[in-house]
Protein backbone atom coordinates (compact mmCIF):
# COMPACT_ATOMS: atom_id res chain seq x y z
CA MET A 1 0.00 0.00 0.00
CA THR A 2 1.33 3.43 -0.94
CA SER A 3 1.89 5.70 2.05
CA LEU A 4 -0.36 8.75 2.18
CA ILE A 5 2.23 10.59 4.24
CA SER A 6 4.43 12.88 2.16
CA PRO A 7 8.21 12.97 2.57
CA GLN A 8 7.89 16.48 3.99
CA GLU A 9 5.40 15.29 6.61
CA ARG A 10 7.67 12.43 7.60
CA PHE A 11 10.60 14.83 7.83
CA ALA A 12 8.59 17.20 10.01
CA ALA A 13 7.60 14.32 12.29
CA ALA A 14 11.21 13.13 12.62
CA VAL A 15 12.39 16.65 13.40
CA ALA A 16 9.63 17.06 15.97
CA ALA A 17 10.67 13.80 17.65
CA LEU A 18 14.33 14.81 17.95
CA PRO A 19 15.85 17.42 15.60
CA LEU A 20 19.34 15.92 15.60
CA VAL A 21 20.93 14.38 12.50
CA ALA A 22 23.41 11.60 13.24
CA VAL A 23 26.27 12.06 10.77
CA LEU A 24 28.05 8.70 10.63
CA ARG A 25 31.13 9.49 8.57
CA GLY A 26 33.32 6.41 8.19
CA ILE A 27 30.80 3.81 9.31
CA ARG A 28 31.06 0.36 7.72
CA PRO A 29 28.07 -1.74 6.62
CA GLU A 30 28.72 -4.42 9.24
CA GLU A 31 28.51 -1.78 11.99
CA THR A 32 25.10 -0.44 11.03
CA GLU A 33 22.90 -2.74 13.08
CA GLY A 34 24.49 -2.02 16.45
CA ILE A 35 24.99 1.70 15.83
CA GLY A 36 21.51 2.08 14.36
CA ARG A 37 19.92 0.40 17.36
CA ALA A 38 21.87 2.59 19.78
CA LEU A 39 20.83 5.78 18.00
CA TYR A 40 17.19 4.79 17.58
CA ASP A 41 16.87 3.76 21.22
CA ALA A 42 18.26 7.18 22.23
CA GLY A 43 15.53 8.89 20.20
CA PHE A 44 17.33 9.65 16.94
CA ARG A 45 15.15 9.55 13.85
CA LEU A 46 17.47 11.20 11.29
CA ILE A 47 20.47 9.20 10.05
CA GLU A 48 23.07 10.37 7.51
CA VAL A 49 25.85 8.29 5.97
CA PRO A 50 28.34 10.53 4.13
CA LEU A 51 29.28 9.16 0.73
CA ASN A 52 32.99 9.33 1.51
CA SER A 53 32.43 6.45 3.95
CA PRO A 54 33.30 2.83 3.06
CA GLU A 55 30.50 1.27 0.96
CA PRO A 56 28.03 4.04 1.86
CA PHE A 57 25.11 2.85 -0.24
CA SER A 58 25.31 -0.60 1.36
CA SER A 59 25.21 1.01 4.82
CA ILE A 60 22.27 3.20 3.85
CA GLY A 61 20.36 0.19 2.53
CA ARG A 62 21.03 -1.75 5.73
CA PHE A 63 19.90 1.14 7.91
CA ARG A 64 16.72 1.48 5.89
CA LYS A 65 15.89 -2.20 6.25
CA MET A 66 16.58 -2.42 9.99
CA LEU A 67 15.11 0.84 11.28
CA PRO A 68 11.38 1.47 11.80
CA ASP A 69 9.55 3.63 9.29
CA ASP A 70 9.57 6.70 11.53
CA ALA A 71 13.34 6.95 11.06
CA LEU A 72 14.64 8.61 7.90
CA VAL A 73 17.94 7.57 6.32
CA GLY A 74 19.96 9.57 3.85
CA ALA A 75 23.36 10.37 2.40
CA GLY A 76 25.72 13.22 3.08
CA THR A 77 28.44 14.71 0.88
CA VAL A 78 26.21 14.18 -2.15
CA MET A 79 27.98 15.85 -5.05
CA SER A 80 26.16 14.85 -8.25
CA PRO A 81 22.74 13.95 -9.70
CA GLU A 82 24.12 10.47 -10.41
CA GLN A 83 24.67 9.92 -6.69
CA VAL A 84 21.09 11.01 -6.05
CA VAL A 85 19.91 8.20 -8.33
CA GLN A 86 22.10 5.68 -6.50
CA LEU A 87 20.74 6.89 -3.18
CA ARG A 88 17.14 6.45 -4.27
CA GLU A 89 17.87 2.97 -5.60
CA CYS A 90 19.29 1.77 -2.26
CA GLY A 91 16.31 3.10 -0.29
CA GLY A 92 17.71 6.42 0.90
CA GLN A 93 15.28 9.23 1.58
CA MET A 94 17.36 12.35 2.26
CA VAL A 95 20.13 14.23 0.47
CA PHE A 96 22.55 16.27 2.58
CA MET A 97 25.13 18.39 0.78
CA PRO A 98 28.15 20.42 1.90
CA HIS A 99 27.40 22.94 -0.83
CA SER A 100 24.48 24.33 -2.79
CA ASP A 101 24.67 22.84 -6.29
CA LEU A 102 21.19 23.55 -7.60
CA ASN A 103 21.43 20.72 -10.12
CA VAL A 104 21.75 18.28 -7.23
CA VAL A 105 18.88 19.94 -5.34
CA ARG A 106 16.62 19.68 -8.39
CA ALA A 107 17.67 16.06 -8.99
CA ALA A 108 16.78 15.19 -5.41
CA LYS A 109 13.38 16.82 -5.62
CA SER A 110 12.56 15.26 -8.99
CA SER A 111 13.43 11.88 -7.44
CA GLY A 112 11.03 12.43 -4.57
CA LEU A 113 13.78 12.79 -1.98
CA LEU A 114 14.21 15.31 0.79
CA CYS A 115 17.10 17.70 0.27
CA VAL A 116 19.12 19.81 2.71
CA PRO A 117 21.89 21.66 0.86
CA GLY A 118 24.75 23.47 2.52
CA VAL A 119 24.66 27.27 2.53
CA LEU A 120 26.81 30.01 3.97
CA THR A 121 25.13 33.20 2.72
CA PRO A 122 21.61 34.58 2.22
CA THR A 123 22.17 34.45 -1.56
CA GLU A 124 22.83 30.71 -1.41
CA ALA A 125 19.94 30.22 1.01
CA PHE A 126 17.32 31.89 -1.19
CA ALA A 127 18.56 30.10 -4.32
CA ALA A 128 18.39 26.73 -2.55
CA LEU A 129 14.87 27.37 -1.27
CA ALA A 130 13.74 28.41 -4.75
CA ALA A 131 15.07 25.10 -6.08
CA GLY A 132 13.00 23.18 -3.53
CA ALA A 133 15.26 22.67 -0.51
CA ASP A 134 13.47 21.22 2.52
CA GLY A 135 15.91 22.80 4.98
CA LEU A 136 19.21 24.64 4.96
CA LYS A 137 22.41 23.12 6.30
CA LEU A 138 24.51 25.93 7.79
CA PHE A 139 27.99 24.69 7.02
CA PRO A 140 30.58 24.81 8.32
CA GLY A 141 28.95 25.64 11.63
CA GLU A 142 32.20 26.93 13.05
CA MET A 143 32.04 29.79 10.52
CA ILE A 144 28.41 30.64 11.28
CA PRO A 145 28.10 31.67 14.94
CA PRO A 146 24.67 32.27 16.51
CA LYS A 147 24.71 36.02 15.77
CA VAL A 148 25.07 35.25 12.05
CA VAL A 149 22.31 32.64 12.26
CA LYS A 150 20.04 35.26 13.80
CA ALA A 151 20.78 37.73 10.99
CA ILE A 152 20.12 35.14 8.27
CA ARG A 153 17.00 33.88 10.05
CA ALA A 154 15.55 37.41 10.02
CA VAL A 155 15.38 37.61 6.22
CA LEU A 156 14.33 34.06 5.36
CA PRO A 157 10.73 32.89 4.89
CA LYS A 158 8.94 32.01 8.10
CA GLY A 159 9.24 28.33 8.90
CA THR A 160 12.55 27.76 7.09
CA LEU A 161 14.43 25.01 8.91
CA LEU A 162 18.03 25.96 9.70
CA LEU A 163 20.44 23.18 10.65
CA PRO A 164 23.96 24.10 11.81
CA PHE A 165 26.43 21.31 11.02
CA GLY A 166 29.94 21.16 12.41
CA GLY A 167 31.41 21.59 15.86
CA ILE A 168 28.09 21.18 17.69
CA THR A 169 28.28 19.97 21.28
CA PRO A 170 25.48 19.40 23.80
CA GLU A 171 26.55 22.64 25.48
CA SER A 172 26.64 24.77 22.32
CA MET A 173 23.10 24.13 21.09
CA ARG A 174 21.28 26.66 23.27
CA PRO A 175 22.65 29.90 21.70
CA TYR A 176 21.94 28.52 18.23
CA VAL A 177 18.37 27.65 19.16
CA GLU A 178 17.87 31.10 20.64
CA ALA A 179 19.17 32.55 17.35
CA GLY A 180 16.66 30.59 15.28
CA ALA A 181 18.20 27.19 14.51
CA GLY A 182 15.68 24.38 14.46
CA ALA A 183 17.87 21.29 14.17
CA PHE A 184 21.51 20.21 14.18
CA GLY A 185 23.91 17.89 12.40
CA LEU A 186 26.15 15.97 14.79
CA GLY A 187 29.45 14.58 13.60
CA SER A 188 32.53 13.56 15.57
CA GLY A 189 30.98 14.60 18.88
CA LEU A 190 28.50 11.76 18.38
CA TYR A 191 30.34 9.21 16.28
CA LYS A 192 33.86 8.53 15.04
CA PRO A 193 34.96 5.59 12.88
CA GLY A 194 35.52 2.49 14.94
CA MET A 195 33.54 3.72 17.91
CA GLN A 196 31.73 0.97 19.78
CA GLU A 197 27.97 0.77 20.16
CA ALA A 198 28.03 1.53 23.89
CA GLU A 199 30.05 4.71 23.43
CA VAL A 200 27.80 5.92 20.61
CA ALA A 201 24.78 5.22 22.82
CA GLU A 202 26.32 7.28 25.64
CA HIS A 203 26.99 10.23 23.33
CA ALA A 204 23.55 9.94 21.75
CA ARG A 205 21.82 10.04 25.13
CA ALA A 206 23.85 13.10 26.14
CA TYR A 207 22.77 15.01 23.04
CA ALA A 208 19.15 13.91 23.40
CA LYS A 209 19.11 14.98 27.06
CA ALA A 210 20.64 18.34 26.17
CA TRP A 211 17.87 18.91 23.65
CA SER A 212 15.18 17.84 26.11
CA ASP A 213 16.59 20.19 28.72
CA LEU A 214 16.49 23.06 26.24
CA LYS A 215 12.81 22.47 25.57
CA VAL A 216 11.96 22.11 29.25
CA ASN A 217 13.68 25.42 29.94
CA GLY A 218 11.90 27.16 27.08
CA ALA A 219 14.77 27.72 24.64
């Protein structure tokens, strides 16, 4: 039976559950089951496997098969329309990009996939939204402090999802949220290649708790 829930609705539900993207750069296919279980049990519903990881499409396919439907799985470091096709064929649902190549954005949207391109300026942000972007990856996050996020947020359409990626810690989320960020991409602070399931679970719970605490305290 064809789902009546659109990709955008599923994305919104995953973000509402926990707006943290697990960026698993370097993960191997045989590690996906344990890492995926640890992340899902901690509340994560957004999983990204960068394409410069070993056998990334195999890992994405394994994640998609093992995780419940409320989790969304995608690829990061997507650089070409051809990679978008490969992602769709292995069951991936989201395209994350370090840049804002509008050809890739359009390819993702024409394939029925969610797309979050990387932007650094308002010019890139508006062009990406016009091409159909479902959110904007603020990358690298280290170059976009909260005061810059606030300035960009002020000129963008209401409801635009801003996701800082890079250098995010449990302690650094609050000022970004107060500036208008709605989600985050978590890299080496959450997962590094070779990390064991228990350690990933510990990091995942720390990030999830930090987010919960922000909401409880009204950030």
